[in-house]
N, C-alpha and C. Protein backbone atom coordinates (compact mmCIF):
# COMPACT_ATOMS: atom_id res chain seq x y z
N MET A 1 89.13 111.06 98.96
CA MET A 1 90.22 111.92 99.90
C MET A 1 91.35 112.56 98.94
N LEU A 2 91.69 111.82 97.83
CA LEU A 2 92.88 112.41 97.18
C LEU A 2 92.16 113.40 95.97
N ASN A 3 92.46 114.68 96.36
CA ASN A 3 91.89 115.73 95.67
C ASN A 3 93.07 116.26 94.77
N ILE A 4 93.02 115.91 93.39
CA ILE A 4 94.21 116.43 92.60
C ILE A 4 94.49 117.64 92.42
N GLU A 5 93.21 118.78 92.75
CA GLU A 5 93.18 119.88 92.44
C GLU A 5 94.35 120.85 93.56
N ASN A 6 94.14 119.93 94.64
CA ASN A 6 94.80 120.26 96.21
C ASN A 6 96.21 119.40 96.43
N LEU A 7 96.48 118.73 95.67
CA LEU A 7 97.35 117.90 95.66
C LEU A 7 98.59 118.58 95.99
N LEU A 8 99.18 119.68 95.27
CA LEU A 8 100.30 120.07 95.87
C LEU A 8 100.30 121.39 96.69
N LEU A 9 98.80 121.38 97.49
CA LEU A 9 99.39 122.22 98.79
C LEU A 9 99.30 121.39 100.31
N ILE A 10 99.90 121.65 100.97
CA ILE A 10 100.15 121.26 102.10
C ILE A 10 99.07 122.22 102.81
N THR A 11 97.73 121.98 103.34
CA THR A 11 97.01 122.55 103.94
C THR A 11 95.85 121.93 104.85
N ASP A 12 95.10 122.83 105.26
CA ASP A 12 93.89 122.28 106.07
C ASP A 12 93.20 120.94 105.12
N ILE A 13 92.49 119.99 105.60
CA ILE A 13 91.64 119.24 104.70
C ILE A 13 90.47 119.26 105.89
N PRO A 14 89.13 119.22 105.38
CA PRO A 14 87.95 119.16 106.29
C PRO A 14 87.94 117.95 106.77
N GLY A 15 87.69 117.95 108.07
CA GLY A 15 86.97 116.90 109.15
C GLY A 15 88.56 116.54 110.10
N TYR A 16 89.46 117.13 109.60
CA TYR A 16 90.90 117.04 110.28
C TYR A 16 91.41 118.02 110.97
N THR A 17 92.09 118.11 112.07
CA THR A 17 92.77 119.06 112.49
C THR A 17 94.14 119.49 111.61
N PRO A 18 94.41 121.07 111.98
CA PRO A 18 95.49 121.15 111.02
C PRO A 18 96.61 120.34 110.93
N GLN A 19 97.29 120.25 111.70
CA GLN A 19 98.51 119.76 112.02
C GLN A 19 98.23 117.95 111.06
N ILE A 20 97.33 117.42 111.83
CA ILE A 20 96.65 116.05 110.83
C ILE A 20 96.90 116.12 109.44
N SER A 21 95.87 117.68 109.04
CA SER A 21 95.64 117.69 107.77
C SER A 21 97.00 117.85 106.89
N ARG A 22 97.84 118.59 107.48
CA ARG A 22 98.88 118.76 106.85
C ARG A 22 100.02 117.26 106.69
N LEU A 23 100.02 116.50 107.77
CA LEU A 23 100.71 115.01 107.67
C LEU A 23 99.82 114.67 106.29
N LEU A 24 98.20 114.22 106.65
CA LEU A 24 97.62 113.53 105.15
C LEU A 24 98.01 114.02 104.00
N SER A 25 97.97 115.63 104.09
CA SER A 25 98.48 116.41 102.60
C SER A 25 99.81 115.46 101.92
N MET A 26 100.78 115.14 102.76
CA MET A 26 101.96 114.64 102.27
C MET A 26 101.92 113.15 102.16
N MET A 27 101.24 112.54 103.00
CA MET A 27 100.80 111.39 102.75
C MET A 27 99.88 111.02 101.72
N ASN A 28 99.50 111.94 100.97
CA ASN A 28 98.27 111.88 99.96
C ASN A 28 99.40 112.20 98.69
N TYR A 29 100.36 113.24 98.71
CA TYR A 29 101.14 113.34 97.74
C TYR A 29 101.99 111.91 97.32
N ALA A 30 102.60 111.64 98.61
CA ALA A 30 103.24 110.70 98.60
C ALA A 30 102.71 109.43 97.78
N ARG A 31 101.58 109.27 98.18
CA ARG A 31 100.62 107.96 97.51
C ARG A 31 100.44 108.24 96.02
N PHE A 32 100.08 109.39 95.55
CA PHE A 32 99.71 109.72 94.39
C PHE A 32 101.05 109.47 93.41
N THR A 33 102.07 109.76 93.53
CA THR A 33 103.48 109.41 93.10
C THR A 33 103.76 107.81 93.02
N THR A 34 103.55 107.69 94.27
CA THR A 34 103.51 105.64 93.78
C THR A 34 102.72 105.45 93.05
N ILE A 35 101.45 105.53 92.94
CA ILE A 35 100.51 105.23 91.83
C ILE A 35 100.76 105.55 90.56
N ASP A 36 101.43 106.77 90.48
CA ASP A 36 101.46 106.90 89.03
C ASP A 36 102.96 106.25 88.60
N ALA A 37 103.60 105.63 89.47
CA ALA A 37 104.98 104.88 89.32
C ALA A 37 104.66 103.70 88.94
N VAL A 38 103.54 103.40 89.07
CA VAL A 38 103.39 101.47 88.87
C VAL A 38 101.93 101.87 87.90
N LYS A 39 101.78 102.79 87.60
CA LYS A 39 100.22 102.75 86.59
C LYS A 39 100.74 101.93 85.31
N SER A 40 99.68 100.72 85.27
CA SER A 40 99.59 99.97 84.04
C SER A 40 100.42 98.78 83.82
N LEU A 41 101.42 98.74 85.07
CA LEU A 41 102.08 97.54 85.25
C LEU A 41 101.25 96.29 84.94
N SER A 42 101.67 95.09 84.36
CA SER A 42 101.11 93.73 84.42
C SER A 42 101.33 93.01 85.43
N GLN A 43 100.56 91.79 85.52
CA GLN A 43 101.02 91.25 86.95
C GLN A 43 102.41 90.44 86.38
N GLU A 44 102.88 90.50 85.42
CA GLU A 44 104.32 89.62 85.34
C GLU A 44 105.16 90.67 85.61
N GLN A 45 105.17 92.02 85.45
CA GLN A 45 106.04 93.24 85.81
C GLN A 45 105.69 93.35 87.10
N LEU A 46 104.74 93.24 87.75
CA LEU A 46 104.75 93.47 89.44
C LEU A 46 105.58 92.21 89.99
N ASP A 47 105.58 90.95 89.73
CA ASP A 47 106.26 89.71 90.13
C ASP A 47 107.90 89.91 89.81
N PHE A 48 108.08 90.81 88.91
CA PHE A 48 109.51 90.63 88.45
C PHE A 48 110.72 90.90 89.40
N LEU A 49 111.59 89.94 89.61
CA LEU A 49 112.66 90.30 90.52
C LEU A 49 114.02 90.44 89.62
N LEU A 50 115.00 91.51 90.02
CA LEU A 50 115.97 92.06 89.48
C LEU A 50 116.74 90.56 89.79
N ASP A 51 116.95 89.97 90.81
CA ASP A 51 118.04 89.13 91.10
C ASP A 51 117.47 88.34 92.36
N SER A 52 118.17 87.44 93.09
CA SER A 52 117.49 86.54 93.93
C SER A 52 117.62 87.41 95.31
N GLN A 53 118.05 88.64 95.35
CA GLN A 53 118.34 89.51 96.72
C GLN A 53 116.94 90.57 96.43
N SER A 54 116.37 90.63 95.41
CA SER A 54 115.57 91.71 95.16
C SER A 54 114.27 91.40 95.68
N ASN A 55 113.33 92.58 95.84
CA ASN A 55 111.91 92.65 96.01
C ASN A 55 111.08 92.95 94.34
N SER A 56 110.08 92.51 94.50
CA SER A 56 109.41 92.55 93.79
C SER A 56 108.47 94.12 93.76
N ILE A 57 107.82 94.57 92.86
CA ILE A 57 107.04 95.86 92.93
C ILE A 57 105.97 95.28 93.61
N GLY A 58 104.98 94.51 93.01
CA GLY A 58 104.15 93.81 93.90
C GLY A 58 104.14 94.00 95.52
N ALA A 59 105.65 93.12 95.98
CA ALA A 59 105.78 93.18 96.94
C ALA A 59 105.78 94.39 97.70
N LEU A 60 106.60 95.41 97.05
CA LEU A 60 106.74 96.80 97.58
C LEU A 60 105.46 97.45 97.78
N LEU A 61 104.59 97.31 97.19
CA LEU A 61 103.34 97.79 97.50
C LEU A 61 102.59 97.31 98.18
N LEU A 62 102.71 96.05 98.64
CA LEU A 62 102.25 95.49 99.77
C LEU A 62 102.70 95.76 100.80
N HIS A 63 103.97 95.80 100.90
CA HIS A 63 104.63 96.32 101.79
C HIS A 63 104.30 97.79 102.80
N PHE A 64 103.88 98.52 101.85
CA PHE A 64 103.31 100.11 102.12
C PHE A 64 102.07 99.67 102.75
N ALA A 65 100.92 99.02 102.46
CA ALA A 65 99.99 98.65 103.14
C ALA A 65 100.12 97.99 104.42
N ALA A 66 101.16 96.92 104.67
CA ALA A 66 101.45 96.43 105.76
C ALA A 66 102.01 97.53 106.93
N VAL A 67 102.98 98.26 106.32
CA VAL A 67 103.74 99.26 107.61
C VAL A 67 102.47 100.20 107.78
N GLU A 68 101.81 100.58 107.06
CA GLU A 68 100.81 101.63 107.28
C GLU A 68 99.96 101.16 108.33
N TYR A 69 99.31 99.46 108.06
CA TYR A 69 98.48 98.59 109.18
C TYR A 69 99.06 98.62 110.30
N ALA A 70 100.45 98.37 110.21
CA ALA A 70 100.98 97.94 111.43
C ALA A 70 101.26 99.01 112.65
N TYR A 71 101.07 100.20 111.63
CA TYR A 71 101.40 101.73 112.67
C TYR A 71 99.91 102.08 112.97
N GLN A 72 99.08 101.53 112.36
CA GLN A 72 97.71 101.91 113.07
C GLN A 72 97.36 101.34 114.03
N VAL A 73 97.97 99.69 114.30
CA VAL A 73 97.25 99.15 115.25
C VAL A 73 98.45 99.77 116.47
N SER A 74 99.70 99.97 115.96
CA SER A 74 100.53 100.46 117.31
C SER A 74 100.02 101.55 117.77
N THR A 75 100.16 102.71 116.84
CA THR A 75 99.82 104.34 117.35
C THR A 75 98.37 104.36 117.98
N PHE A 76 97.48 103.73 117.27
CA PHE A 76 95.87 103.83 117.80
C PHE A 76 95.45 103.04 118.51
N GLU A 77 96.00 101.53 118.48
CA GLU A 77 95.46 100.55 119.47
C GLU A 77 96.53 100.36 120.45
N LYS A 78 97.17 100.46 120.20
CA LYS A 78 98.47 100.61 121.50
C LYS A 78 98.85 98.99 121.85
N ARG A 79 98.86 98.24 120.59
CA ARG A 79 99.06 96.83 120.69
C ARG A 79 100.01 96.38 119.39
N GLU A 80 100.53 95.21 119.45
CA GLU A 80 101.56 94.67 118.51
C GLU A 80 100.32 93.78 117.57
N LEU A 81 100.62 93.34 116.54
CA LEU A 81 99.96 92.62 115.45
C LEU A 81 99.97 91.21 116.09
N ASN A 82 98.74 90.79 115.87
CA ASN A 82 98.17 89.29 116.51
C ASN A 82 98.77 88.34 115.77
N GLU A 83 98.58 87.33 115.92
CA GLU A 83 98.87 86.02 114.96
C GLU A 83 98.18 85.93 113.95
N LYS A 84 96.69 86.34 113.93
CA LYS A 84 96.01 86.42 112.61
C LYS A 84 96.64 87.64 111.51
N GLU A 85 96.80 88.64 111.83
CA GLU A 85 97.48 89.96 111.57
C GLU A 85 98.44 89.46 111.04
N LEU A 86 99.51 88.83 111.79
CA LEU A 86 101.16 88.58 111.13
C LEU A 86 100.71 87.70 110.37
N SER A 87 99.83 86.67 110.14
CA SER A 87 99.71 85.42 109.03
C SER A 87 99.25 86.43 107.69
N ILE A 88 98.66 87.56 107.65
CA ILE A 88 98.42 88.15 106.57
C ILE A 88 99.65 89.24 106.16
N TRP A 89 100.28 89.73 107.27
CA TRP A 89 100.89 90.91 106.88
C TRP A 89 102.33 90.91 106.62
N SER A 90 102.90 89.41 107.48
CA SER A 90 104.40 89.18 107.82
C SER A 90 105.16 89.18 106.46
N PRO A 91 104.45 88.59 105.47
CA PRO A 91 105.43 88.54 103.94
C PRO A 91 105.87 90.11 103.64
N ALA A 92 104.78 91.03 103.60
CA ALA A 92 105.13 92.03 103.42
C ALA A 92 105.71 93.04 104.39
N LEU A 93 105.79 92.71 105.50
CA LEU A 93 106.34 93.51 106.51
C LEU A 93 108.07 92.75 106.34
N ASN A 94 107.95 91.77 106.20
CA ASN A 94 109.53 91.19 106.27
C ASN A 94 110.18 91.14 105.06
N LEU A 95 109.22 91.34 103.50
CA LEU A 95 109.81 91.34 102.57
C LEU A 95 110.74 90.07 102.12
N GLY A 96 112.14 90.11 101.60
CA GLY A 96 113.30 88.96 101.39
C GLY A 96 112.65 88.02 101.10
N LYS A 97 113.02 86.96 101.50
CA LYS A 97 112.72 85.59 100.74
C LYS A 97 111.29 84.95 100.87
N GLU A 98 110.67 85.48 102.19
CA GLU A 98 109.24 85.37 102.72
C GLU A 98 108.60 86.20 101.58
N GLY A 99 108.82 87.19 101.27
CA GLY A 99 108.09 87.97 100.27
C GLY A 99 108.12 87.57 99.07
N GLN A 100 109.26 87.29 98.50
CA GLN A 100 109.45 86.41 97.02
C GLN A 100 108.53 85.33 97.10
N GLU A 101 108.52 84.61 98.01
CA GLU A 101 108.07 82.94 97.84
C GLU A 101 106.21 83.58 97.71
N LYS A 102 105.73 84.35 98.76
CA LYS A 102 104.31 84.27 98.97
C LYS A 102 103.88 85.83 98.42
N ILE A 103 104.40 86.63 98.01
CA ILE A 103 103.59 87.92 97.33
C ILE A 103 103.93 87.88 95.56
N LYS A 104 102.96 87.08 94.99
CA LYS A 104 103.35 87.12 93.65
C LYS A 104 101.66 86.53 92.91
N GLY A 105 101.65 86.93 91.48
CA GLY A 105 100.53 86.25 91.18
C GLY A 105 99.16 87.37 91.32
N ASN A 106 99.28 88.31 91.69
CA ASN A 106 98.26 89.20 91.92
C ASN A 106 98.34 90.69 90.91
N ASP A 107 97.37 90.90 90.35
CA ASP A 107 97.46 92.14 89.39
C ASP A 107 97.38 93.45 90.39
N LEU A 108 97.66 94.25 89.59
CA LEU A 108 97.71 95.92 90.04
C LEU A 108 96.56 96.65 90.81
N ALA A 109 95.15 95.81 90.19
CA ALA A 109 93.89 96.16 91.26
C ALA A 109 94.21 95.83 92.64
N TYR A 110 94.55 94.47 92.82
CA TYR A 110 94.73 93.49 93.93
C TYR A 110 95.59 94.74 94.89
N TYR A 111 96.91 94.74 94.67
CA TYR A 111 97.57 96.17 95.37
C TYR A 111 97.15 97.33 95.57
N LEU A 112 96.33 97.90 94.58
CA LEU A 112 95.72 99.22 94.99
C LEU A 112 94.71 98.96 95.72
N ASN A 113 94.05 98.13 95.91
CA ASN A 113 92.76 97.64 96.66
C ASN A 113 93.64 97.54 97.94
N GLN A 114 94.22 97.15 98.15
CA GLN A 114 95.01 96.49 99.64
C GLN A 114 95.41 98.41 100.25
N LEU A 115 95.85 99.07 99.22
CA LEU A 115 96.62 100.13 99.79
C LEU A 115 95.31 100.99 99.87
N ASP A 116 94.29 101.24 98.99
CA ASP A 116 93.02 102.07 99.20
C ASP A 116 92.39 101.44 100.70
N GLY A 117 92.51 100.11 101.04
CA GLY A 117 91.64 99.68 102.10
C GLY A 117 92.25 100.17 103.51
N VAL A 118 93.53 100.13 103.15
CA VAL A 118 94.35 100.74 104.64
C VAL A 118 94.25 101.83 104.57
N ARG A 119 94.39 102.84 103.49
CA ARG A 119 94.74 104.11 103.86
C ARG A 119 93.15 104.59 104.27
N ASN A 120 91.94 104.31 103.74
CA ASN A 120 90.70 104.66 104.21
C ASN A 120 90.66 104.35 105.87
N ARG A 121 90.95 103.12 106.27
CA ARG A 121 91.20 103.07 107.37
C ARG A 121 92.06 104.23 108.30
N THR A 122 93.03 104.42 107.74
CA THR A 122 93.95 105.70 108.46
C THR A 122 93.09 106.81 108.37
N LEU A 123 92.54 107.26 107.50
CA LEU A 123 91.70 108.48 107.23
C LEU A 123 90.68 108.14 108.47
N GLU A 124 90.03 107.46 108.81
CA GLU A 124 88.95 107.34 109.61
C GLU A 124 89.94 107.46 111.18
N LEU A 125 90.64 106.52 111.24
CA LEU A 125 91.44 106.92 112.30
C LEU A 125 92.11 108.12 112.78
N PHE A 126 92.33 108.89 111.71
CA PHE A 126 92.77 110.30 111.81
C PHE A 126 91.92 110.99 112.44
N LYS A 127 90.67 110.84 112.15
CA LYS A 127 89.15 111.65 112.53
C LYS A 127 88.70 111.51 114.04
N SER A 128 89.51 110.63 114.69
CA SER A 128 89.08 110.27 116.11
C SER A 128 90.21 110.97 117.01
N VAL A 129 91.27 111.69 116.27
CA VAL A 129 92.11 112.21 117.28
C VAL A 129 92.41 113.73 117.07
N ASN A 130 93.21 114.54 117.76
CA ASN A 130 93.42 115.93 117.46
C ASN A 130 95.10 115.89 117.26
N ASP A 131 95.10 117.24 116.63
CA ASP A 131 96.91 117.88 116.95
C ASP A 131 97.57 117.28 118.41
N ASP A 132 97.17 117.36 119.02
CA ASP A 132 97.65 116.97 120.33
C ASP A 132 98.10 115.45 120.61
N TRP A 133 97.24 114.74 120.07
CA TRP A 133 97.74 112.95 119.84
C TRP A 133 99.11 112.94 119.20
N LEU A 134 99.19 113.79 117.97
CA LEU A 134 100.47 113.92 117.16
C LEU A 134 101.82 113.89 118.11
N TYR A 135 101.66 114.54 119.32
CA TYR A 135 102.72 114.97 119.99
C TYR A 135 103.25 113.87 121.23
N ILE A 136 102.34 112.85 121.37
CA ILE A 136 102.28 112.07 122.41
C ILE A 136 103.86 111.23 122.44
N GLU A 137 104.69 110.86 123.04
CA GLU A 137 105.80 110.29 122.95
C GLU A 137 106.06 109.10 123.63
N GLU A 138 106.53 108.24 122.80
CA GLU A 138 106.60 106.67 123.28
C GLU A 138 107.70 106.07 123.08
N LYS A 139 108.25 104.87 123.31
CA LYS A 139 109.23 104.21 123.57
C LYS A 139 109.24 103.72 121.88
N PHE A 140 110.21 103.90 120.91
CA PHE A 140 110.27 103.66 119.79
C PHE A 140 111.65 103.17 119.18
N TRP A 141 111.92 102.43 118.11
CA TRP A 141 113.20 101.68 118.33
C TRP A 141 114.18 101.59 119.45
N TRP A 142 115.06 102.51 119.29
CA TRP A 142 116.09 102.86 120.64
C TRP A 142 116.02 103.97 121.28
N ASN A 143 114.88 104.67 120.81
CA ASN A 143 114.74 105.50 121.52
C ASN A 143 113.15 106.17 121.84
N LYS A 144 113.01 106.95 121.96
CA LYS A 144 111.17 107.84 121.95
C LYS A 144 111.21 108.52 120.80
N ALA A 145 109.91 108.76 120.68
CA ALA A 145 109.27 109.35 119.34
C ALA A 145 107.98 109.70 119.75
N ASN A 146 107.69 110.87 118.98
CA ASN A 146 105.79 111.03 119.22
C ASN A 146 105.25 110.32 117.87
N HIS A 147 104.11 110.47 118.02
CA HIS A 147 103.18 109.67 116.54
C HIS A 147 103.27 110.35 115.46
N TYR A 148 103.57 111.93 115.40
CA TYR A 148 103.90 112.82 114.39
C TYR A 148 105.07 111.89 113.61
N PHE A 149 106.10 111.54 114.40
CA PHE A 149 107.49 110.89 113.78
C PHE A 149 106.90 109.63 113.01
N MET A 150 106.36 109.09 113.99
CA MET A 150 105.75 107.52 113.46
C MET A 150 105.17 107.84 112.53
N TRP A 151 104.19 108.74 112.16
CA TRP A 151 103.30 108.72 111.07
C TRP A 151 104.15 109.31 109.87
N PHE A 152 105.08 110.17 110.12
CA PHE A 152 106.14 110.64 108.98
C PHE A 152 106.81 109.51 108.41
N HIS A 153 107.22 108.51 109.37
CA HIS A 153 107.98 107.62 108.97
C HIS A 153 107.40 106.33 108.29
N VAL A 154 105.96 106.28 108.02
CA VAL A 154 105.13 105.90 107.27
C VAL A 154 105.16 106.08 105.89
N PHE A 155 104.89 107.21 105.92
CA PHE A 155 105.09 107.89 104.51
C PHE A 155 106.73 108.06 103.68
N GLU A 156 107.47 108.17 104.75
CA GLU A 156 108.63 108.18 104.42
C GLU A 156 109.49 106.97 103.84
N ASP A 157 109.25 105.94 104.48
CA ASP A 157 109.12 104.20 103.95
C ASP A 157 108.76 104.41 102.65
N GLU A 158 107.53 104.56 102.24
CA GLU A 158 106.83 104.65 101.01
C GLU A 158 107.76 105.47 99.96
N ILE A 159 108.35 106.36 100.20
CA ILE A 159 109.19 107.27 99.52
C ILE A 159 110.14 106.59 98.95
N ASN A 160 110.85 106.01 99.95
CA ASN A 160 112.04 105.45 100.07
C ASN A 160 111.78 104.16 99.19
N HIS A 161 111.13 103.21 99.15
CA HIS A 161 111.13 102.26 98.50
C HIS A 161 110.36 102.18 97.23
N ARG A 162 109.88 103.52 97.21
CA ARG A 162 109.15 103.86 95.82
C ARG A 162 110.19 104.30 94.59
N GLY A 163 111.15 104.64 95.31
CA GLY A 163 112.68 104.54 94.39
C GLY A 163 113.40 103.46 94.01
N GLN A 164 112.85 102.60 94.73
CA GLN A 164 113.42 100.88 94.47
C GLN A 164 112.57 100.84 93.02
N ILE A 165 111.32 101.06 93.11
CA ILE A 165 109.97 100.61 92.09
C ILE A 165 110.68 101.24 91.07
N ARG A 166 110.97 102.63 90.81
CA ARG A 166 111.12 103.13 89.73
C ARG A 166 112.74 102.49 89.24
N THR A 167 113.32 102.11 89.88
CA THR A 167 114.51 101.53 89.60
C THR A 167 114.28 99.94 88.98
N ILE A 168 113.32 99.40 89.52
CA ILE A 168 113.06 98.50 88.99
C ILE A 168 111.99 98.10 87.66
N ARG A 169 111.18 99.02 87.71
CA ARG A 169 110.34 99.50 86.34
C ARG A 169 111.52 99.69 85.21
N LYS A 170 112.34 100.56 85.79
CA LYS A 170 113.17 100.84 84.21
C LYS A 170 114.04 99.49 84.05
N ARG A 171 114.15 98.58 84.72
CA ARG A 171 115.18 97.22 84.22
C ARG A 171 114.00 96.20 83.94
N LEU A 172 113.01 96.54 83.97
CA LEU A 172 112.16 95.30 83.69
C LEU A 172 112.47 94.57 82.28
N LYS A 173 112.60 93.41 82.30
CA LYS A 173 113.05 92.30 81.54
C LYS A 173 111.95 91.91 80.90
N VAL A 174 110.57 91.93 81.42
CA VAL A 174 109.89 91.11 80.96
C VAL A 174 108.57 91.89 80.12
């Protein structure tokens, strides 16, 4: 799906409606730059904590996958995460102490595989809807939002935390 030739084009993608194609184009670019920001990091670097309040790069990568998975469940399946899913994704969704304690000891391939697995599911799910689906409004946070905003938030969250990743990478002491 990640076509380097068209990475800088927000355009149609075969198999998807026009607005979904544009959304996916933006998500693809965000993911490409995330992967670029973590290339060649060791397990020790992925686990590094700046201080007792910070998240590791590995935890932030898993957070991206967890958020995307949670939005799949919420927007496509119309439900909350169940107990089994929470046992898997909660540390990455909550981050903080829980993430520090439970998300460590994994190499970069582990995190990239998690990101790819969730993204591949997202791509399949988006094939099942059309542009009208993006404009469906639901209660969200303190207000209402449409699916378009919700999925914008998925990659906006990734972009925001990628800034943290770049800051941590510059300060690695390992």
